[in-house]
Amino acid sequence: VESIKEDIKWLGADWEDRLFFASDYFEQMYEAAVKLI
């Protein structure tokens, strides 16, 4: 995780305050699966 962040910053890509993880959405993904069921 840390190496990837460093690489992207070094290349000059700026995500500003928009750093996310799929794990941020695990609850929503679970609810989405329930919806499909």
ModelCIF file with pLDDT and N, C-alpha, C, O atoms, coordinates in Angstrom:
data_MODEL
#
_entry.id   MODEL 
#
_entity.id                         1 
_entity.type                       polymer 
_entity.pdbx_number_of_molecules   1 
#
_entity_poly.entity_id                      1 
_entity_poly.type                           'polypeptide(L)' 
_entity_poly.nstd_linkage                   no 
_entity_poly.nstd_monomer                   no 
_entity_poly.pdbx_seq_one_letter_code       VESIKEDIKWLGADWEDRLFFASDYFEQMYEAAVKLI 
_entity_poly.pdbx_seq_one_letter_code_can   VESIKEDIKWLGADWEDRLFFASDYFEQMYEAAVKLI 
_entity_poly.pdbx_strand_id                 A 
#
loop_
_entity_poly_seq.entity_id 
_entity_poly_seq.num 
_entity_poly_seq.mon_id 
_entity_poly_seq.hetero 
1 1  VAL n 
1 2  GLU n 
1 3  SER n 
1 4  ILE n 
1 5  LYS n 
1 6  GLU n 
1 7  ASP n 
1 8  ILE n 
1 9  LYS n 
1 10 TRP n 
1 11 LEU n 
1 12 GLY n 
1 13 ALA n 
1 14 ASP n 
1 15 TRP n 
1 16 GLU n 
1 17 ASP n 
1 18 ARG n 
1 19 LEU n 
1 20 PHE n 
1 21 PHE n 
1 22 ALA n 
1 23 SER n 
1 24 ASP n 
1 25 TYR n 
1 26 PHE n 
1 27 GLU n 
1 28 GLN n 
1 29 MET n 
1 30 TYR n 
1 31 GLU n 
1 32 ALA n 
1 33 ALA n 
1 34 VAL n 
1 35 LYS n 
1 36 LEU n 
1 37 ILE n 
#
_struct_asym.id          A 
_struct_asym.entity_id   1 
#
loop_
_ma_qa_metric.id 
_ma_qa_metric.mode 
_ma_qa_metric.name 
_ma_qa_metric.software_group_id 
_ma_qa_metric.type 
1 global pLDDT . pLDDT 
2 local  pLDDT . pLDDT 
#
_ma_qa_metric_global.metric_id      1 
_ma_qa_metric_global.metric_value   97.41 
_ma_qa_metric_global.model_id       1 
_ma_qa_metric_global.ordinal_id     1 
#
loop_
_ma_qa_metric_local.label_asym_id 
_ma_qa_metric_local.label_comp_id 
_ma_qa_metric_local.label_seq_id 
_ma_qa_metric_local.metric_id 
_ma_qa_metric_local.metric_value 
_ma_qa_metric_local.model_id 
_ma_qa_metric_local.ordinal_id 
A VAL 1  2 95.00 1 1  
A GLU 2  2 96.00 1 2  
A SER 3  2 96.00 1 3  
A ILE 4  2 97.00 1 4  
A LYS 5  2 97.00 1 5  
A GLU 6  2 97.00 1 6  
A ASP 7  2 97.00 1 7  
A ILE 8  2 98.00 1 8  
A LYS 9  2 97.00 1 9  
A TRP 10 2 98.00 1 10 
A LEU 11 2 98.00 1 11 
A GLY 12 2 97.00 1 12 
A ALA 13 2 98.00 1 13 
A ASP 14 2 97.00 1 14 
A TRP 15 2 98.00 1 15 
A GLU 16 2 97.00 1 16 
A ASP 17 2 97.00 1 17 
A ARG 18 2 97.00 1 18 
A LEU 19 2 98.00 1 19 
A PHE 20 2 98.00 1 20 
A PHE 21 2 97.00 1 21 
A ALA 22 2 97.00 1 22 
A SER 23 2 97.00 1 23 
A ASP 24 2 96.00 1 24 
A TYR 25 2 98.00 1 25 
A PHE 26 2 98.00 1 26 
A GLU 27 2 98.00 1 27 
A GLN 28 2 98.00 1 28 
A MET 29 2 98.00 1 29 
A TYR 30 2 98.00 1 30 
A GLU 31 2 98.00 1 31 
A ALA 32 2 98.00 1 32 
A ALA 33 2 98.00 1 33 
A VAL 34 2 98.00 1 34 
A LYS 35 2 98.00 1 35 
A LEU 36 2 98.00 1 36 
A ILE 37 2 98.00 1 37 
#
loop_
_atom_site.group_PDB 
_atom_site.id 
_atom_site.type_symbol 
_atom_site.label_atom_id 
_atom_site.label_alt_id 
_atom_site.label_comp_id 
_atom_site.label_asym_id 
_atom_site.label_entity_id 
_atom_site.label_seq_id 
_atom_site.pdbx_PDB_ins_code 
_atom_site.Cartn_x 
_atom_site.Cartn_y 
_atom_site.Cartn_z 
_atom_site.occupancy 
_atom_site.B_iso_or_equiv 
_atom_site.pdbx_formal_charge 
_atom_site.auth_seq_id 
_atom_site.auth_comp_id 
_atom_site.auth_asym_id 
_atom_site.auth_atom_id 
_atom_site.pdbx_PDB_model_num 
ATOM 1   N N  . VAL A 1 1  ? 0.843   -1.205  0.000   1.00 95.00 ? 1  VAL A N  1 
ATOM 2   C CA . VAL A 1 1  ? 0.000   0.000   0.000   1.00 95.00 ? 1  VAL A CA 1 
ATOM 3   C C  . VAL A 1 1  ? 0.873   1.249   0.000   1.00 95.00 ? 1  VAL A C  1 
ATOM 4   O O  . VAL A 1 1  ? 0.668   2.158   -0.803  1.00 95.00 ? 1  VAL A O  1 
ATOM 5   N N  . GLU A 1 2  ? 1.842   1.287   0.899   1.00 96.00 ? 2  GLU A N  1 
ATOM 6   C CA . GLU A 1 2  ? 2.694   2.482   1.033   1.00 96.00 ? 2  GLU A CA 1 
ATOM 7   C C  . GLU A 1 2  ? 3.562   2.684   -0.207  1.00 96.00 ? 2  GLU A C  1 
ATOM 8   O O  . GLU A 1 2  ? 3.753   3.816   -0.650  1.00 96.00 ? 2  GLU A O  1 
ATOM 9   N N  . SER A 1 3  ? 4.090   1.595   -0.769  1.00 96.00 ? 3  SER A N  1 
ATOM 10  C CA . SER A 1 3  ? 4.945   1.732   -1.961  1.00 96.00 ? 3  SER A CA 1 
ATOM 11  C C  . SER A 1 3  ? 4.130   2.255   -3.143  1.00 96.00 ? 3  SER A C  1 
ATOM 12  O O  . SER A 1 3  ? 4.619   3.071   -3.924  1.00 96.00 ? 3  SER A O  1 
ATOM 13  N N  . ILE A 1 4  ? 2.897   1.790   -3.276  1.00 97.00 ? 4  ILE A N  1 
ATOM 14  C CA . ILE A 1 4  ? 2.042   2.232   -4.393  1.00 97.00 ? 4  ILE A CA 1 
ATOM 15  C C  . ILE A 1 4  ? 1.717   3.715   -4.254  1.00 97.00 ? 4  ILE A C  1 
ATOM 16  O O  . ILE A 1 4  ? 1.760   4.455   -5.237  1.00 97.00 ? 4  ILE A O  1 
ATOM 17  N N  . LYS A 1 5  ? 1.395   4.148   -3.046  1.00 97.00 ? 5  LYS A N  1 
ATOM 18  C CA . LYS A 1 5  ? 1.112   5.575   -2.832  1.00 97.00 ? 5  LYS A CA 1 
ATOM 19  C C  . LYS A 1 5  ? 2.317   6.432   -3.197  1.00 97.00 ? 5  LYS A C  1 
ATOM 20  O O  . LYS A 1 5  ? 2.184   7.468   -3.849  1.00 97.00 ? 5  LYS A O  1 
ATOM 21  N N  . GLU A 1 6  ? 3.503   5.982   -2.765  1.00 97.00 ? 6  GLU A N  1 
ATOM 22  C CA . GLU A 1 6  ? 4.727   6.734   -3.057  1.00 97.00 ? 6  GLU A CA 1 
ATOM 23  C C  . GLU A 1 6  ? 4.976   6.807   -4.563  1.00 97.00 ? 6  GLU A C  1 
ATOM 24  O O  . GLU A 1 6  ? 5.348   7.860   -5.083  1.00 97.00 ? 6  GLU A O  1 
ATOM 25  N N  . ASP A 1 7  ? 4.772   5.688   -5.263  1.00 97.00 ? 7  ASP A N  1 
ATOM 26  C CA . ASP A 1 7  ? 4.996   5.644   -6.713  1.00 97.00 ? 7  ASP A CA 1 
ATOM 27  C C  . ASP A 1 7  ? 4.067   6.604   -7.447  1.00 97.00 ? 7  ASP A C  1 
ATOM 28  O O  . ASP A 1 7  ? 4.496   7.321   -8.352  1.00 97.00 ? 7  ASP A O  1 
ATOM 29  N N  . ILE A 1 8  ? 2.800   6.616   -7.059  1.00 98.00 ? 8  ILE A N  1 
ATOM 30  C CA . ILE A 1 8  ? 1.818   7.442   -7.766  1.00 98.00 ? 8  ILE A CA 1 
ATOM 31  C C  . ILE A 1 8  ? 2.091   8.925   -7.536  1.00 98.00 ? 8  ILE A C  1 
ATOM 32  O O  . ILE A 1 8  ? 1.984   9.737   -8.455  1.00 98.00 ? 8  ILE A O  1 
ATOM 33  N N  . LYS A 1 9  ? 2.441   9.265   -6.307  1.00 97.00 ? 9  LYS A N  1 
ATOM 34  C CA . LYS A 1 9  ? 2.804   10.666  -6.023  1.00 97.00 ? 9  LYS A CA 1 
ATOM 35  C C  . LYS A 1 9  ? 4.028   11.075  -6.832  1.00 97.00 ? 9  LYS A C  1 
ATOM 36  O O  . LYS A 1 9  ? 4.081   12.172  -7.387  1.00 97.00 ? 9  LYS A O  1 
ATOM 37  N N  . TRP A 1 10 ? 5.014   10.178  -6.892  1.00 98.00 ? 10 TRP A N  1 
ATOM 38  C CA . TRP A 1 10 ? 6.250   10.477  -7.619  1.00 98.00 ? 10 TRP A CA 1 
ATOM 39  C C  . TRP A 1 10 ? 5.981   10.718  -9.107  1.00 98.00 ? 10 TRP A C  1 
ATOM 40  O O  . TRP A 1 10 ? 6.615   11.572  -9.727  1.00 98.00 ? 10 TRP A O  1 
ATOM 41  N N  . LEU A 1 11 ? 5.037   9.960   -9.674  1.00 98.00 ? 11 LEU A N  1 
ATOM 42  C CA . LEU A 1 11 ? 4.699   10.141  -11.089 1.00 98.00 ? 11 LEU A CA 1 
ATOM 43  C C  . LEU A 1 11 ? 3.919   11.439  -11.327 1.00 98.00 ? 11 LEU A C  1 
ATOM 44  O O  . LEU A 1 11 ? 3.731   11.854  -12.470 1.00 98.00 ? 11 LEU A O  1 
ATOM 45  N N  . GLY A 1 12 ? 3.473   12.066  -10.254 1.00 97.00 ? 12 GLY A N  1 
ATOM 46  C CA . GLY A 1 12 ? 2.810   13.360  -10.396 1.00 97.00 ? 12 GLY A CA 1 
ATOM 47  C C  . GLY A 1 12 ? 1.299   13.305  -10.424 1.00 97.00 ? 12 GLY A C  1 
ATOM 48  O O  . GLY A 1 12 ? 0.650   14.318  -10.688 1.00 97.00 ? 12 GLY A O  1 
ATOM 49  N N  . ALA A 1 13 ? 0.719   12.131  -10.154 1.00 98.00 ? 13 ALA A N  1 
ATOM 50  C CA . ALA A 1 13 ? -0.740  12.019  -10.122 1.00 98.00 ? 13 ALA A CA 1 
ATOM 51  C C  . ALA A 1 13 ? -1.243  12.390  -8.725  1.00 98.00 ? 13 ALA A C  1 
ATOM 52  O O  . ALA A 1 13 ? -0.808  11.811  -7.729  1.00 98.00 ? 13 ALA A O  1 
ATOM 53  N N  . ASP A 1 14 ? -2.147  13.343  -8.658  1.00 97.00 ? 14 ASP A N  1 
ATOM 54  C CA . ASP A 1 14 ? -2.612  13.879  -7.370  1.00 97.00 ? 14 ASP A CA 1 
ATOM 55  C C  . ASP A 1 14 ? -4.071  13.497  -7.140  1.00 97.00 ? 14 ASP A C  1 
ATOM 56  O O  . ASP A 1 14 ? -4.965  13.979  -7.836  1.00 97.00 ? 14 ASP A O  1 
ATOM 57  N N  . TRP A 1 15 ? -4.305  12.623  -6.150  1.00 98.00 ? 15 TRP A N  1 
ATOM 58  C CA . TRP A 1 15 ? -5.681  12.228  -5.843  1.00 98.00 ? 15 TRP A CA 1 
ATOM 59  C C  . TRP A 1 15 ? -6.320  13.183  -4.835  1.00 98.00 ? 15 TRP A C  1 
ATOM 60  O O  . TRP A 1 15 ? -7.463  12.980  -4.425  1.00 98.00 ? 15 TRP A O  1 
ATOM 61  N N  . GLU A 1 16 ? -5.580  14.226  -4.434  1.00 97.00 ? 16 GLU A N  1 
ATOM 62  C CA . GLU A 1 16 ? -6.081  15.220  -3.479  1.00 97.00 ? 16 GLU A CA 1 
ATOM 63  C C  . GLU A 1 16 ? -6.556  14.514  -2.197  1.00 97.00 ? 16 GLU A C  1 
ATOM 64  O O  . GLU A 1 16 ? -5.761  13.857  -1.525  1.00 97.00 ? 16 GLU A O  1 
ATOM 65  N N  . ASP A 1 17 ? -7.843  14.644  -1.858  1.00 97.00 ? 17 ASP A N  1 
ATOM 66  C CA . ASP A 1 17 ? -8.333  13.999  -0.625  1.00 97.00 ? 17 ASP A CA 1 
ATOM 67  C C  . ASP A 1 17 ? -9.137  12.740  -0.934  1.00 97.00 ? 17 ASP A C  1 
ATOM 68  O O  . ASP A 1 17 ? -9.891  12.254  -0.092  1.00 97.00 ? 17 ASP A O  1 
ATOM 69  N N  . ARG A 1 18 ? -8.967  12.210  -2.165  1.00 97.00 ? 18 ARG A N  1 
ATOM 70  C CA . ARG A 1 18 ? -9.797  11.079  -2.588  1.00 97.00 ? 18 ARG A CA 1 
ATOM 71  C C  . ARG A 1 18 ? -8.974  9.788   -2.614  1.00 97.00 ? 18 ARG A C  1 
ATOM 72  O O  . ARG A 1 18 ? -8.702  9.226   -3.675  1.00 97.00 ? 18 ARG A O  1 
ATOM 73  N N  . LEU A 1 19 ? -8.590  9.339   -1.425  1.00 98.00 ? 19 LEU A N  1 
ATOM 74  C CA . LEU A 1 19 ? -7.916  8.051   -1.265  1.00 98.00 ? 19 LEU A CA 1 
ATOM 75  C C  . LEU A 1 19 ? -8.917  7.074   -0.656  1.00 98.00 ? 19 LEU A C  1 
ATOM 76  O O  . LEU A 1 19 ? -9.413  7.287   0.450   1.00 98.00 ? 19 LEU A O  1 
ATOM 77  N N  . PHE A 1 20 ? -9.209  5.998   -1.390  1.00 98.00 ? 20 PHE A N  1 
ATOM 78  C CA . PHE A 1 20 ? -10.232 5.044   -0.954  1.00 98.00 ? 20 PHE A CA 1 
ATOM 79  C C  . PHE A 1 20 ? -9.691  3.613   -0.957  1.00 98.00 ? 20 PHE A C  1 
ATOM 80  O O  . PHE A 1 20 ? -8.651  3.319   -1.547  1.00 98.00 ? 20 PHE A O  1 
ATOM 81  N N  . PHE A 1 21 ? -10.428 2.739   -0.282  1.00 97.00 ? 21 PHE A N  1 
ATOM 82  C CA . PHE A 1 21 ? -10.135 1.308   -0.267  1.00 97.00 ? 21 PHE A CA 1 
ATOM 83  C C  . PHE A 1 21 ? -11.431 0.556   -0.550  1.00 97.00 ? 21 PHE A C  1 
ATOM 84  O O  . PHE A 1 21 ? -12.508 0.965   -0.115  1.00 97.00 ? 21 PHE A O  1 
ATOM 85  N N  . ALA A 1 22 ? -11.313 -0.542  -1.282  1.00 97.00 ? 22 ALA A N  1 
ATOM 86  C CA . ALA A 1 22 ? -12.500 -1.382  -1.495  1.00 97.00 ? 22 ALA A CA 1 
ATOM 87  C C  . ALA A 1 22 ? -13.099 -1.789  -0.157  1.00 97.00 ? 22 ALA A C  1 
ATOM 88  O O  . ALA A 1 22 ? -14.317 -1.905  -0.020  1.00 97.00 ? 22 ALA A O  1 
ATOM 89  N N  . SER A 1 23 ? -12.229 -2.006  0.834   1.00 97.00 ? 23 SER A N  1 
ATOM 90  C CA . SER A 1 23 ? -12.707 -2.424  2.159   1.00 97.00 ? 23 SER A CA 1 
ATOM 91  C C  . SER A 1 23 ? -13.562 -1.353  2.832   1.00 97.00 ? 23 SER A C  1 
ATOM 92  O O  . SER A 1 23 ? -14.302 -1.651  3.769   1.00 97.00 ? 23 SER A O  1 
ATOM 93  N N  . ASP A 1 24 ? -13.463 -0.090  2.353   1.00 96.00 ? 24 ASP A N  1 
ATOM 94  C CA . ASP A 1 24 ? -14.351 0.952   2.868   1.00 96.00 ? 24 ASP A CA 1 
ATOM 95  C C  . ASP A 1 24 ? -15.818 0.603   2.576   1.00 96.00 ? 24 ASP A C  1 
ATOM 96  O O  . ASP A 1 24 ? -16.727 1.056   3.271   1.00 96.00 ? 24 ASP A O  1 
ATOM 97  N N  . TYR A 1 25 ? -16.029 -0.216  1.527   1.00 98.00 ? 25 TYR A N  1 
ATOM 98  C CA . TYR A 1 25 ? -17.382 -0.466  1.023   1.00 98.00 ? 25 TYR A CA 1 
ATOM 99  C C  . TYR A 1 25 ? -17.872 -1.888  1.305   1.00 98.00 ? 25 TYR A C  1 
ATOM 100 O O  . TYR A 1 25 ? -18.878 -2.317  0.740   1.00 98.00 ? 25 TYR A O  1 
ATOM 101 N N  . PHE A 1 26 ? -17.166 -2.626  2.179   1.00 98.00 ? 26 PHE A N  1 
ATOM 102 C CA . PHE A 1 26 ? -17.566 -4.017  2.412   1.00 98.00 ? 26 PHE A CA 1 
ATOM 103 C C  . PHE A 1 26 ? -19.022 -4.124  2.870   1.00 98.00 ? 26 PHE A C  1 
ATOM 104 O O  . PHE A 1 26 ? -19.739 -5.035  2.457   1.00 98.00 ? 26 PHE A O  1 
ATOM 105 N N  . GLU A 1 27 ? -19.456 -3.196  3.721   1.00 98.00 ? 27 GLU A N  1 
ATOM 106 C CA . GLU A 1 27 ? -20.840 -3.228  4.206   1.00 98.00 ? 27 GLU A CA 1 
ATOM 107 C C  . GLU A 1 27 ? -21.810 -3.014  3.044   1.00 98.00 ? 27 GLU A C  1 
ATOM 108 O O  . GLU A 1 27 ? -22.816 -3.715  2.928   1.00 98.00 ? 27 GLU A O  1 
ATOM 109 N N  . GLN A 1 28 ? -21.500 -2.040  2.184   1.00 98.00 ? 28 GLN A N  1 
ATOM 110 C CA . GLN A 1 28 ? -22.377 -1.767  1.037   1.00 98.00 ? 28 GLN A CA 1 
ATOM 111 C C  . GLN A 1 28 ? -22.386 -2.928  0.047   1.00 98.00 ? 28 GLN A C  1 
ATOM 112 O O  . GLN A 1 28 ? -23.409 -3.224  -0.571  1.00 98.00 ? 28 GLN A O  1 
ATOM 113 N N  . MET A 1 29 ? -21.221 -3.586  -0.097  1.00 98.00 ? 29 MET A N  1 
ATOM 114 C CA . MET A 1 29 ? -21.164 -4.744  -1.000  1.00 98.00 ? 29 MET A CA 1 
ATOM 115 C C  . MET A 1 29 ? -22.010 -5.891  -0.463  1.00 98.00 ? 29 MET A C  1 
ATOM 116 O O  . MET A 1 29 ? -22.693 -6.587  -1.214  1.00 98.00 ? 29 MET A O  1 
ATOM 117 N N  . TYR A 1 30 ? -21.950 -6.068  0.833   1.00 98.00 ? 30 TYR A N  1 
ATOM 118 C CA . TYR A 1 30 ? -22.780 -7.120  1.453   1.00 98.00 ? 30 TYR A CA 1 
ATOM 119 C C  . TYR A 1 30 ? -24.261 -6.820  1.212   1.00 98.00 ? 30 TYR A C  1 
ATOM 120 O O  . TYR A 1 30 ? -25.025 -7.709  0.836   1.00 98.00 ? 30 TYR A O  1 
ATOM 121 N N  . GLU A 1 31 ? -24.660 -5.566  1.430   1.00 98.00 ? 31 GLU A N  1 
ATOM 122 C CA . GLU A 1 31 ? -26.058 -5.176  1.213   1.00 98.00 ? 31 GLU A CA 1 
ATOM 123 C C  . GLU A 1 31 ? -26.445 -5.332  -0.254  1.00 98.00 ? 31 GLU A C  1 
ATOM 124 O O  . GLU A 1 31 ? -27.583 -5.677  -0.574  1.00 98.00 ? 31 GLU A O  1 
ATOM 125 N N  . ALA A 1 32 ? -25.471 -5.068  -1.154  1.00 98.00 ? 32 ALA A N  1 
ATOM 126 C CA . ALA A 1 32 ? -25.737 -5.246  -2.584  1.00 98.00 ? 32 ALA A CA 1 
ATOM 127 C C  . ALA A 1 32 ? -25.996 -6.716  -2.904  1.00 98.00 ? 32 ALA A C  1 
ATOM 128 O O  . ALA A 1 32 ? -26.875 -7.036  -3.703  1.00 98.00 ? 32 ALA A O  1 
ATOM 129 N N  . ALA A 1 33 ? -25.223 -7.611  -2.275  1.00 98.00 ? 33 ALA A N  1 
ATOM 130 C CA . ALA A 1 33 ? -25.424 -9.050  -2.477  1.00 98.00 ? 33 ALA A CA 1 
ATOM 131 C C  . ALA A 1 33 ? -26.799 -9.481  -1.956  1.00 98.00 ? 33 ALA A C  1 
ATOM 132 O O  . ALA A 1 33 ? -27.492 -10.276 -2.590  1.00 98.00 ? 33 ALA A O  1 
ATOM 133 N N  . VAL A 1 34 ? -27.177 -8.952  -0.807  1.00 98.00 ? 34 VAL A N  1 
ATOM 134 C CA . VAL A 1 34 ? -28.500 -9.251  -0.249  1.00 98.00 ? 34 VAL A CA 1 
ATOM 135 C C  . VAL A 1 34 ? -29.591 -8.774  -1.215  1.00 98.00 ? 34 VAL A C  1 
ATOM 136 O O  . VAL A 1 34 ? -30.590 -9.464  -1.419  1.00 98.00 ? 34 VAL A O  1 
ATOM 137 N N  . LYS A 1 35 ? -29.400 -7.625  -1.792  1.00 98.00 ? 35 LYS A N  1 
ATOM 138 C CA . LYS A 1 35 ? -30.375 -7.086  -2.757  1.00 98.00 ? 35 LYS A CA 1 
ATOM 139 C C  . LYS A 1 35 ? -30.545 -8.020  -3.949  1.00 98.00 ? 35 LYS A C  1 
ATOM 140 O O  . LYS A 1 35 ? -31.661 -8.254  -4.413  1.00 98.00 ? 35 LYS A O  1 
ATOM 141 N N  . LEU A 1 36 ? -29.427 -8.552  -4.436  1.00 98.00 ? 36 LEU A N  1 
ATOM 142 C CA . LEU A 1 36 ? -29.505 -9.482  -5.570  1.00 98.00 ? 36 LEU A CA 1 
ATOM 143 C C  . LEU A 1 36 ? -30.234 -10.760 -5.180  1.00 98.00 ? 36 LEU A C  1 
ATOM 144 O O  . LEU A 1 36 ? -31.016 -11.302 -5.961  1.00 98.00 ? 36 LEU A O  1 
ATOM 145 N N  . ILE A 1 37 ? -29.973 -11.239 -3.958  1.00 98.00 ? 37 ILE A N  1 
ATOM 146 C CA . ILE A 1 37 ? -30.679 -12.448 -3.490  1.00 98.00 ? 37 ILE A CA 1 
ATOM 147 C C  . ILE A 1 37 ? -32.183 -12.188 -3.444  1.00 98.00 ? 37 ILE A C  1 
ATOM 148 O O  . ILE A 1 37 ? -32.952 -13.076 -3.077  1.00 98.00 ? 37 ILE A O  1 
#
